[in-house]
Structure formats: C-alpha cells, structure tokens
Amino acid sequence: MGIAGAGVYLAASFCAPSIVAYVVEETLIQKAPPGTDLRILRLRLEKRLAGCSNKAARLERLLEIAQTLERTQRLTPGQLESALKTCQGGPTGGAH
C-alpha cells in the first residue's frame, strides 16, 4: 500500500467516514469525464458503496477510490468504471 496509502488510511480511520465519503464523492465528480451525468454518477457511487459488507469495507473502498483520484487530473471513462466497481466484500447479508 505504501507510506502515502498508509497515511491516508490512518487519517481516514480518525475522521468520520461520512467526511471521507463526501470528499471522495466531490473529487470523483470534479474529475469525472466531460459529459458525465453527475446525478447518475452520485447514484451509482452510493449503490456501489451500499454493496459493501460493512463500514470497514466501505471505508476501504473509499480509500481505494481516493488513491485512483490522486493519481490523475481527469478520469477516463475506463478509470471511472474501475473506480465505481463493487466492493470486494460483497453485499451485506451474503447471497440472496
């Protein structure tokens, strides 16, 4: 993860997860490809984060997105799709 990633993780663990989510969402919107429907982007992000198995998984996913965002000035459509991938922990409650 590296020193920078560890620092971000440590800082985020002391901050309210809602603040982290807000900053990541706003940065994602700012760096979204031109022509992106921001309302749909917000809905997609929330849906993906809702798929996290717990608060720790959600925070981890937010930090992964933050790392992607810090490496680029403007996201390509492919980078945006990668940032919006579902949590690896899967949805709460397991299989349906």
C-alpha atoms as a PDB file:
ATOM      1  CA  MET A   1       0.000   0.000   0.000  1.00  0.00           C
ATOM      2  CA  GLY A   2       2.964   2.300   0.584  1.00  0.00           C
ATOM      3  CA  ILE A   3       3.623   5.058   3.061  1.00  0.00           C
ATOM      4  CA  ALA A   4       1.225   7.541   1.438  1.00  0.00           C
ATOM      5  CA  GLY A   5      -1.575   4.992   1.373  1.00  0.00           C
ATOM      6  CA  ALA A   6      -0.936   4.051   4.984  1.00  0.00           C
ATOM      7  CA  GLY A   7      -1.030   7.724   5.934  1.00  0.00           C
ATOM      8  CA  VAL A   8      -4.332   8.227   4.149  1.00  0.00           C
ATOM      9  CA  TYR A   9      -5.749   5.116   5.808  1.00  0.00           C
ATOM     10  CA  LEU A  10      -4.589   6.234   9.239  1.00  0.00           C
ATOM     11  CA  ALA A  11      -6.009   9.733   8.752  1.00  0.00           C
ATOM     12  CA  ALA A  12      -9.293   8.324   7.464  1.00  0.00           C
ATOM     13  CA  SER A  13      -9.626   5.988  10.411  1.00  0.00           C
ATOM     14  CA  PHE A  14      -9.619   9.026  12.709  1.00  0.00           C
ATOM     15  CA  CYS A  15     -12.017  11.062  10.552  1.00  0.00           C
ATOM     16  CA  ALA A  16     -15.720  10.458  10.332  1.00  0.00           C
ATOM     17  CA  PRO A  17     -16.365   8.062   7.436  1.00  0.00           C
ATOM     18  CA  SER A  18     -19.070  10.429   6.203  1.00  0.00           C
ATOM     19  CA  ILE A  19     -16.462  13.158   5.704  1.00  0.00           C
ATOM     20  CA  VAL A  20     -14.248  10.760   3.774  1.00  0.00           C
ATOM     21  CA  ALA A  21     -17.242   9.737   1.631  1.00  0.00           C
ATOM     22  CA  TYR A  22     -18.107  13.385   0.941  1.00  0.00           C
ATOM     23  CA  VAL A  23     -14.563  14.299  -0.099  1.00  0.00           C
ATOM     24  CA  VAL A  24     -14.225  11.244  -2.347  1.00  0.00           C
ATOM     25  CA  GLU A  25     -17.624  11.889  -3.954  1.00  0.00           C
ATOM     26  CA  GLU A  26     -16.861  15.546  -4.640  1.00  0.00           C
ATOM     27  CA  THR A  27     -13.413  14.724  -6.041  1.00  0.00           C
ATOM     28  CA  LEU A  28     -14.886  11.983  -8.216  1.00  0.00           C
ATOM     29  CA  ILE A  29     -17.402  14.476  -9.592  1.00  0.00           C
ATOM     30  CA  GLN A  30     -14.683  17.079 -10.183  1.00  0.00           C
ATOM     31  CA  LYS A  31     -12.502  14.595 -12.082  1.00  0.00           C
ATOM     32  CA  ALA A  32     -15.287  12.808 -13.973  1.00  0.00           C
ATOM     33  CA  PRO A  33     -15.007  12.663 -17.761  1.00  0.00           C
ATOM     34  CA  PRO A  34     -16.671  15.546 -19.619  1.00  0.00           C
ATOM     35  CA  GLY A  35     -20.368  14.966 -20.258  1.00  0.00           C
ATOM     36  CA  THR A  36     -20.854  12.705 -17.230  1.00  0.00           C
ATOM     37  CA  ASP A  37     -24.342  12.994 -15.718  1.00  0.00           C
ATOM     38  CA  LEU A  38     -23.433  13.956 -12.160  1.00  0.00           C
ATOM     39  CA  ARG A  39     -26.770  12.875 -10.695  1.00  0.00           C
ATOM     40  CA  ILE A  40     -26.337   9.395 -12.126  1.00  0.00           C
ATOM     41  CA  LEU A  41     -22.697   9.335 -11.002  1.00  0.00           C
ATOM     42  CA  ARG A  42     -23.748  10.079  -7.412  1.00  0.00           C
ATOM     43  CA  LEU A  43     -26.419   7.370  -7.524  1.00  0.00           C
ATOM     44  CA  ARG A  44     -24.010   4.816  -8.956  1.00  0.00           C
ATOM     45  CA  LEU A  45     -21.374   5.588  -6.318  1.00  0.00           C
ATOM     46  CA  GLU A  46     -23.875   5.249  -3.491  1.00  0.00           C
ATOM     47  CA  LYS A  47     -25.209   1.983  -4.917  1.00  0.00           C
ATOM     48  CA  ARG A  48     -21.688   0.545  -5.157  1.00  0.00           C
ATOM     49  CA  LEU A  49     -20.819   1.634  -1.625  1.00  0.00           C
ATOM     50  CA  ALA A  50     -24.094   0.208  -0.321  1.00  0.00           C
ATOM     51  CA  GLY A  51     -22.877  -3.147  -1.627  1.00  0.00           C
ATOM     52  CA  CYS A  52     -20.022  -3.187   0.889  1.00  0.00           C
ATOM     53  CA  SER A  53     -20.376  -5.826   3.573  1.00  0.00           C
ATOM     54  CA  ASN A  54     -19.718  -3.425   6.469  1.00  0.00           C
ATOM     55  CA  LYS A  55     -18.425   0.029   7.389  1.00  0.00           C
ATOM     56  CA  ALA A  56     -14.797  -1.081   7.290  1.00  0.00           C
ATOM     57  CA  ALA A  57     -15.205  -2.478   3.759  1.00  0.00           C
ATOM     58  CA  ARG A  58     -16.936   0.740   2.697  1.00  0.00           C
ATOM     59  CA  LEU A  59     -14.095   2.865   4.086  1.00  0.00           C
ATOM     60  CA  GLU A  60     -11.530   0.622   2.411  1.00  0.00           C
ATOM     61  CA  ARG A  61     -13.330   1.014  -0.939  1.00  0.00           C
ATOM     62  CA  LEU A  62     -13.474   4.794  -0.494  1.00  0.00           C
ATOM     63  CA  LEU A  63      -9.733   4.845   0.147  1.00  0.00           C
ATOM     64  CA  GLU A  64      -9.108   2.764  -2.981  1.00  0.00           C
ATOM     65  CA  ILE A  65     -11.121   5.290  -4.996  1.00  0.00           C
ATOM     66  CA  ALA A  66      -9.173   8.141  -3.372  1.00  0.00           C
ATOM     67  CA  GLN A  67      -5.882   6.570  -4.453  1.00  0.00           C
ATOM     68  CA  THR A  68      -7.127   6.395  -8.040  1.00  0.00           C
ATOM     69  CA  LEU A  69      -8.262  10.012  -7.893  1.00  0.00           C
ATOM     70  CA  GLU A  70      -4.967  11.320  -6.534  1.00  0.00           C
ATOM     71  CA  ARG A  71      -3.070   9.861  -9.498  1.00  0.00           C
ATOM     72  CA  THR A  72      -4.987  11.666 -12.239  1.00  0.00           C
ATOM     73  CA  GLN A  73      -6.168  15.121 -13.237  1.00  0.00           C
ATOM     74  CA  ARG A  74      -9.193  13.862 -15.206  1.00  0.00           C
ATOM     75  CA  LEU A  75     -10.622  10.342 -15.242  1.00  0.00           C
ATOM     76  CA  THR A  76     -11.086   8.477 -18.485  1.00  0.00           C
ATOM     77  CA  PRO A  77     -14.363   6.565 -18.872  1.00  0.00           C
ATOM     78  CA  GLY A  78     -12.455   3.337 -18.112  1.00  0.00           C
ATOM     79  CA  GLN A  79     -10.930   4.775 -14.942  1.00  0.00           C
ATOM     80  CA  LEU A  80     -14.367   5.964 -13.845  1.00  0.00           C
ATOM     81  CA  GLU A  81     -15.814   2.475 -14.344  1.00  0.00           C
ATOM     82  CA  SER A  82     -12.924   0.992 -12.381  1.00  0.00           C
ATOM     83  CA  ALA A  83     -13.492   3.471  -9.551  1.00  0.00           C
ATOM     84  CA  LEU A  84     -17.166   2.517  -9.466  1.00  0.00           C
ATOM     85  CA  LYS A  85     -16.593  -1.226  -9.212  1.00  0.00           C
ATOM     86  CA  THR A  86     -18.442  -3.016  -6.431  1.00  0.00           C
ATOM     87  CA  CYS A  87     -16.872  -3.714  -3.053  1.00  0.00           C
ATOM     88  CA  GLN A  88     -14.963  -6.976  -2.987  1.00  0.00           C
ATOM     89  CA  GLY A  89     -16.634  -7.846   0.322  1.00  0.00           C
ATOM     90  CA  GLY A  90     -19.976  -8.160  -1.448  1.00  0.00           C
ATOM     91  CA  PRO A  91     -23.372  -7.032  -0.216  1.00  0.00           C
ATOM     92  CA  THR A  92     -24.494  -7.248   3.374  1.00  0.00           C
ATOM     93  CA  GLY A  93     -26.224 -10.494   4.194  1.00  0.00           C
ATOM     94  CA  GLY A  94     -24.356 -12.698   1.700  1.00  0.00           C
ATOM     95  CA  ALA A  95     -26.143 -14.492  -1.123  1.00  0.00           C
ATOM     96  CA  HIS A  96     -29.805 -13.940  -1.840  1.00  0.00           C
END
